[in-house]
Every structure is written in structure tokens, then in C-alpha cells.
Amino acid sequence: MKATRTLSSYILLVGVMGLSIVGGIVAYQIYSASVKSQTTTQQAKAIKSLDGAINQTVIDNLEKRTVYSEAEMGLLLITTPTPEITETIEPTAPESTSSATTQIQISE
């Protein structure tokens, strides 16, 4: 007589095949994510390659700039007064609520 397989062996076979298919799909997803470029086509157009060459007009503009010493900077800077904020509450009639007014005083 020929021995027949039990139902549990078929369930095991289908489970192993399903698990191998899912494992293959996950492995492919991981591989494709690691190989795929992280920059989009718009970013690739916007990225400028560095060639190491500096335009001569940029160098000329840098040489023409005026350099100020610290003493000259002290003469150019103007101190501005800082405002003092004081809050006062005006007394009002009992029927209405009290309102706060803000006064700004500039001290020099």
C-alpha cells in the first residue's frame, strides 16, 4: 500500500513557500531602497557641481571691498535709546472692567 501524506504536511509546505515568497519580497524592497538615488530629478538639476575654479570678477570684487578697523566701526555705530515700558491701571466705575494702558518712555 502506498502511504498518503497527512494534511499537516501540506499546511507546512504552503507555509514555508509563503514565508519564502514574503522574505524574497522584503529582501528585494531593502535592496531597491539601498540602490535607489536619494535625490529627485529637481534636486539633481539644482545641484551645481564644484569644479574648483573661481571667477576672476569675484576675486576683483573682494579686493575692492573696504576694510574697516575696530576704531572706525566704533565711530560708525550709533547707540539707540532703549524704551522703558511701564504699565498703569486707570481706576474706572464699578460697572465696567479695568483697562491697562501701556506707556513707553525713552531714556537717553
N, C-alpha and C. Protein backbone atom coordinates (compact mmCIF):
# COMPACT_ATOMS: atom_id res chain seq x y z
N MET A 1 0.82 -1.17 0.00
CA MET A 1 0.00 0.00 0.00
C MET A 1 0.87 1.24 0.00
N LYS A 2 0.29 2.20 -0.61
CA LYS A 2 1.01 3.47 -0.74
C LYS A 2 0.64 4.37 0.43
N ALA A 3 1.67 4.96 1.06
CA ALA A 3 1.43 5.84 2.21
C ALA A 3 0.99 7.20 1.70
N THR A 4 -0.02 7.77 2.29
CA THR A 4 -0.52 9.10 1.89
C THR A 4 -0.02 10.14 2.89
N ARG A 5 0.15 11.32 2.37
CA ARG A 5 0.60 12.41 3.24
C ARG A 5 -0.56 12.93 4.06
N THR A 6 -0.21 13.42 5.23
CA THR A 6 -1.26 13.97 6.09
C THR A 6 -1.50 15.42 5.73
N LEU A 7 -2.57 15.95 6.23
CA LEU A 7 -2.95 17.35 5.97
C LEU A 7 -1.93 18.32 6.55
N SER A 8 -1.34 18.00 7.67
CA SER A 8 -0.38 18.91 8.30
C SER A 8 0.88 19.10 7.46
N SER A 9 1.29 18.09 6.70
CA SER A 9 2.47 18.25 5.85
C SER A 9 2.19 19.23 4.72
N TYR A 10 0.97 19.23 4.18
CA TYR A 10 0.61 20.20 3.15
C TYR A 10 0.55 21.62 3.71
N ILE A 11 0.03 21.76 4.89
CA ILE A 11 -0.02 23.07 5.54
C ILE A 11 1.39 23.59 5.77
N LEU A 12 2.28 22.71 6.18
CA LEU A 12 3.68 23.09 6.40
C LEU A 12 4.33 23.50 5.09
N LEU A 13 4.07 22.78 4.01
CA LEU A 13 4.65 23.10 2.70
C LEU A 13 4.16 24.46 2.21
N VAL A 14 2.87 24.74 2.32
CA VAL A 14 2.32 26.03 1.90
C VAL A 14 2.87 27.16 2.77
N GLY A 15 3.01 26.90 4.06
CA GLY A 15 3.56 27.92 4.96
C GLY A 15 4.99 28.27 4.65
N VAL A 16 5.82 27.27 4.36
CA VAL A 16 7.22 27.52 4.02
C VAL A 16 7.33 28.26 2.70
N MET A 17 6.51 27.88 1.71
CA MET A 17 6.56 28.57 0.42
C MET A 17 6.09 30.02 0.57
N GLY A 18 5.04 30.25 1.34
CA GLY A 18 4.56 31.62 1.56
C GLY A 18 5.58 32.47 2.28
N LEU A 19 6.23 31.86 3.27
CA LEU A 19 7.26 32.60 4.01
C LEU A 19 8.45 32.94 3.13
N SER A 20 8.82 32.03 2.23
CA SER A 20 9.95 32.31 1.33
C SER A 20 9.58 33.40 0.33
N ILE A 21 8.32 33.44 -0.12
CA ILE A 21 7.90 34.49 -1.04
C ILE A 21 7.91 35.84 -0.35
N VAL A 22 7.38 35.91 0.86
CA VAL A 22 7.38 37.17 1.62
C VAL A 22 8.81 37.61 1.92
N GLY A 23 9.68 36.67 2.28
CA GLY A 23 11.09 37.00 2.53
C GLY A 23 11.77 37.54 1.30
N GLY A 24 11.47 36.98 0.13
CA GLY A 24 12.05 37.47 -1.12
C GLY A 24 11.59 38.87 -1.45
N ILE A 25 10.30 39.14 -1.21
CA ILE A 25 9.78 40.49 -1.48
C ILE A 25 10.42 41.51 -0.55
N VAL A 26 10.56 41.18 0.72
CA VAL A 26 11.18 42.09 1.68
C VAL A 26 12.65 42.33 1.33
N ALA A 27 13.35 41.27 0.94
CA ALA A 27 14.75 41.41 0.55
C ALA A 27 14.88 42.30 -0.68
N TYR A 28 13.98 42.16 -1.65
CA TYR A 28 14.03 43.00 -2.83
C TYR A 28 13.75 44.46 -2.48
N GLN A 29 12.79 44.71 -1.60
CA GLN A 29 12.49 46.08 -1.19
C GLN A 29 13.69 46.73 -0.51
N ILE A 30 14.36 45.98 0.35
CA ILE A 30 15.56 46.51 1.02
C ILE A 30 16.65 46.81 0.01
N TYR A 31 16.85 45.91 -0.95
CA TYR A 31 17.89 46.11 -1.97
C TYR A 31 17.57 47.31 -2.84
N SER A 32 16.32 47.44 -3.29
CA SER A 32 15.98 48.55 -4.17
C SER A 32 16.05 49.89 -3.45
N ALA A 33 15.74 49.90 -2.15
CA ALA A 33 15.82 51.16 -1.39
C ALA A 33 17.27 51.57 -1.18
N SER A 34 18.17 50.60 -1.05
CA SER A 34 19.57 50.96 -0.83
C SER A 34 20.27 51.37 -2.11
N VAL A 35 19.81 50.88 -3.26
CA VAL A 35 20.44 51.21 -4.53
C VAL A 35 19.88 52.49 -5.13
N LYS A 36 18.60 52.79 -4.85
CA LYS A 36 17.92 53.94 -5.44
C LYS A 36 18.59 55.25 -5.01
N SER A 37 18.66 56.20 -5.90
CA SER A 37 19.22 57.52 -5.61
C SER A 37 18.32 58.27 -4.66
N GLN A 38 18.91 59.00 -3.73
CA GLN A 38 18.14 59.75 -2.75
C GLN A 38 17.73 61.12 -3.25
N THR A 39 18.31 61.59 -4.35
CA THR A 39 17.98 62.92 -4.87
C THR A 39 16.94 62.79 -5.98
N THR A 40 16.01 63.73 -6.00
CA THR A 40 14.99 63.75 -7.04
C THR A 40 15.56 64.41 -8.29
N THR A 41 14.80 64.35 -9.38
CA THR A 41 15.27 64.97 -10.61
C THR A 41 15.35 66.48 -10.48
N GLN A 42 14.44 67.08 -9.70
CA GLN A 42 14.50 68.53 -9.50
C GLN A 42 15.74 68.90 -8.70
N GLN A 43 16.07 68.10 -7.69
CA GLN A 43 17.27 68.37 -6.90
C GLN A 43 18.52 68.17 -7.73
N ALA A 44 18.52 67.19 -8.61
CA ALA A 44 19.68 66.95 -9.45
C ALA A 44 19.94 68.12 -10.38
N LYS A 45 18.87 68.76 -10.88
CA LYS A 45 19.05 69.95 -11.72
C LYS A 45 19.58 71.13 -10.92
N ALA A 46 19.15 71.23 -9.65
CA ALA A 46 19.53 72.38 -8.83
C ALA A 46 20.94 72.26 -8.28
N ILE A 47 21.46 71.04 -8.17
CA ILE A 47 22.80 70.84 -7.60
C ILE A 47 23.83 71.30 -8.62
N LYS A 48 24.74 72.13 -8.17
CA LYS A 48 25.78 72.65 -9.04
C LYS A 48 27.07 71.92 -8.72
N SER A 49 27.74 71.43 -9.74
CA SER A 49 28.98 70.70 -9.49
C SER A 49 30.10 71.66 -9.12
N LEU A 50 30.97 71.21 -8.25
CA LEU A 50 32.11 72.02 -7.83
C LEU A 50 33.30 71.68 -8.71
N ASP A 51 33.80 72.68 -9.42
CA ASP A 51 34.95 72.43 -10.27
C ASP A 51 36.22 73.06 -9.72
N GLY A 52 36.12 73.87 -8.68
CA GLY A 52 37.31 74.46 -8.06
C GLY A 52 37.77 75.75 -8.71
N ALA A 53 37.14 76.17 -9.78
CA ALA A 53 37.53 77.41 -10.46
C ALA A 53 36.75 78.58 -9.87
N ILE A 54 37.46 79.68 -9.58
CA ILE A 54 36.83 80.87 -9.04
C ILE A 54 36.86 81.94 -10.12
N ASN A 55 35.74 82.56 -10.35
CA ASN A 55 35.62 83.59 -11.36
C ASN A 55 36.49 84.79 -10.96
N GLN A 56 37.19 85.37 -11.92
CA GLN A 56 38.09 86.48 -11.64
C GLN A 56 37.34 87.72 -11.16
N THR A 57 36.11 87.93 -11.61
CA THR A 57 35.34 89.10 -11.15
C THR A 57 35.03 88.99 -9.67
N VAL A 58 34.85 87.78 -9.17
CA VAL A 58 34.60 87.61 -7.74
C VAL A 58 35.84 88.01 -6.95
N ILE A 59 37.01 87.62 -7.43
CA ILE A 59 38.26 87.98 -6.75
C ILE A 59 38.46 89.49 -6.79
N ASP A 60 38.17 90.11 -7.92
CA ASP A 60 38.32 91.57 -8.03
C ASP A 60 37.36 92.30 -7.10
N ASN A 61 36.13 91.81 -6.97
CA ASN A 61 35.17 92.44 -6.06
C ASN A 61 35.62 92.31 -4.60
N LEU A 62 36.22 91.19 -4.26
CA LEU A 62 36.71 91.02 -2.90
C LEU A 62 37.88 91.95 -2.60
N GLU A 63 38.73 92.18 -3.58
CA GLU A 63 39.86 93.08 -3.39
C GLU A 63 39.42 94.54 -3.27
N LYS A 64 38.30 94.91 -3.90
CA LYS A 64 37.82 96.28 -3.87
C LYS A 64 37.05 96.63 -2.61
N ARG A 65 36.69 95.65 -1.82
CA ARG A 65 35.93 95.91 -0.60
C ARG A 65 36.73 96.73 0.40
N THR A 66 36.02 97.60 1.10
CA THR A 66 36.64 98.44 2.10
C THR A 66 36.71 97.68 3.42
N VAL A 67 37.88 97.72 4.04
CA VAL A 67 38.06 97.05 5.32
C VAL A 67 38.07 98.13 6.40
N TYR A 68 37.20 98.00 7.39
CA TYR A 68 37.10 98.96 8.48
C TYR A 68 37.80 98.40 9.71
N SER A 69 38.53 99.28 10.39
CA SER A 69 39.16 98.87 11.64
C SER A 69 38.12 98.93 12.75
N GLU A 70 38.48 98.41 13.91
CA GLU A 70 37.54 98.40 15.02
C GLU A 70 37.25 99.82 15.51
N ALA A 71 38.24 100.72 15.44
CA ALA A 71 38.04 102.11 15.85
C ALA A 71 37.07 102.81 14.91
N GLU A 72 37.20 102.55 13.60
CA GLU A 72 36.28 103.14 12.63
C GLU A 72 34.86 102.60 12.81
N MET A 73 34.75 101.33 13.15
CA MET A 73 33.43 100.75 13.39
C MET A 73 32.79 101.38 14.61
N GLY A 74 33.59 101.71 15.64
CA GLY A 74 33.05 102.36 16.82
C GLY A 74 32.51 103.74 16.51
N LEU A 75 33.12 104.43 15.55
CA LEU A 75 32.63 105.75 15.16
C LEU A 75 31.34 105.65 14.34
N LEU A 76 31.21 104.59 13.57
CA LEU A 76 30.05 104.45 12.70
C LEU A 76 28.81 103.98 13.45
N LEU A 77 29.01 103.24 14.51
CA LEU A 77 27.87 102.71 15.25
C LEU A 77 27.24 103.79 16.10
N ILE A 78 25.94 103.86 16.06
CA ILE A 78 25.19 104.85 16.83
C ILE A 78 24.39 104.10 17.89
N THR A 79 24.51 104.57 19.14
CA THR A 79 23.74 103.92 20.19
C THR A 79 22.31 104.41 20.14
N THR A 80 21.39 103.51 20.31
CA THR A 80 19.97 103.87 20.30
C THR A 80 19.43 103.74 21.71
N PRO A 81 18.56 104.65 22.11
CA PRO A 81 18.00 104.57 23.45
C PRO A 81 17.04 103.38 23.54
N THR A 82 17.03 102.75 24.69
CA THR A 82 16.12 101.63 24.90
C THR A 82 14.86 102.14 25.60
N PRO A 83 13.71 101.75 25.14
CA PRO A 83 12.47 102.23 25.76
C PRO A 83 12.18 101.48 27.06
N GLU A 84 11.61 102.20 28.01
CA GLU A 84 11.16 101.59 29.26
C GLU A 84 9.65 101.45 29.19
N ILE A 85 9.16 100.27 29.47
CA ILE A 85 7.73 100.01 29.39
C ILE A 85 7.17 99.97 30.81
N THR A 86 6.21 100.84 31.06
CA THR A 86 5.55 100.85 32.36
C THR A 86 4.06 100.65 32.14
N GLU A 87 3.44 99.87 32.98
CA GLU A 87 2.01 99.63 32.86
C GLU A 87 1.29 100.28 34.03
N THR A 88 0.22 101.00 33.71
CA THR A 88 -0.59 101.62 34.76
C THR A 88 -2.03 101.20 34.57
N ILE A 89 -2.73 101.03 35.66
CA ILE A 89 -4.15 100.68 35.61
C ILE A 89 -4.94 101.89 36.05
N GLU A 90 -5.84 102.34 35.18
CA GLU A 90 -6.66 103.51 35.49
C GLU A 90 -7.91 103.07 36.26
N PRO A 91 -8.26 103.77 37.33
CA PRO A 91 -9.49 103.41 38.05
C PRO A 91 -10.71 103.77 37.22
N THR A 92 -11.67 102.88 37.22
CA THR A 92 -12.90 103.11 36.45
C THR A 92 -14.11 102.87 37.34
N ALA A 93 -15.26 103.05 36.79
CA ALA A 93 -16.51 102.83 37.52
C ALA A 93 -16.68 101.35 37.81
N PRO A 94 -17.38 100.98 38.88
CA PRO A 94 -17.54 99.57 39.24
C PRO A 94 -18.26 98.73 38.19
N GLU A 95 -19.07 99.36 37.31
CA GLU A 95 -19.83 98.58 36.34
C GLU A 95 -18.92 98.04 35.22
N SER A 96 -17.91 98.78 34.85
CA SER A 96 -17.06 98.35 33.73
C SER A 96 -15.79 97.68 34.25
N THR A 97 -15.12 97.02 33.37
CA THR A 97 -13.87 96.35 33.73
C THR A 97 -12.72 97.34 33.66
N SER A 98 -11.64 97.05 34.36
CA SER A 98 -10.48 97.94 34.33
C SER A 98 -9.66 97.66 33.08
N SER A 99 -9.09 98.72 32.54
CA SER A 99 -8.27 98.57 31.34
C SER A 99 -6.85 98.99 31.66
N ALA A 100 -5.91 98.31 31.07
CA ALA A 100 -4.50 98.63 31.29
C ALA A 100 -3.96 99.41 30.08
N THR A 101 -3.24 100.47 30.35
CA THR A 101 -2.63 101.24 29.30
C THR A 101 -1.12 101.10 29.42
N THR A 102 -0.45 101.12 28.33
CA THR A 102 0.99 100.97 28.30
C THR A 102 1.61 102.29 27.86
N GLN A 103 2.58 102.75 28.63
CA GLN A 103 3.28 103.98 28.28
C GLN A 103 4.73 103.62 28.01
N ILE A 104 5.27 104.22 26.97
CA ILE A 104 6.66 103.99 26.61
C ILE A 104 7.42 105.28 26.83
N GLN A 105 8.45 105.20 27.64
CA GLN A 105 9.29 106.35 27.91
C GLN A 105 10.68 106.06 27.36
N ILE A 106 11.23 106.98 26.60
CA ILE A 106 12.54 106.79 26.01
C ILE A 106 13.55 107.53 26.88
N SER A 107 14.53 106.78 27.38
CA SER A 107 15.57 107.41 28.21
C SER A 107 16.84 107.48 27.37
N GLU A 108 17.53 108.59 27.46
CA GLU A 108 18.75 108.76 26.69
C GLU A 108 19.96 108.79 27.60
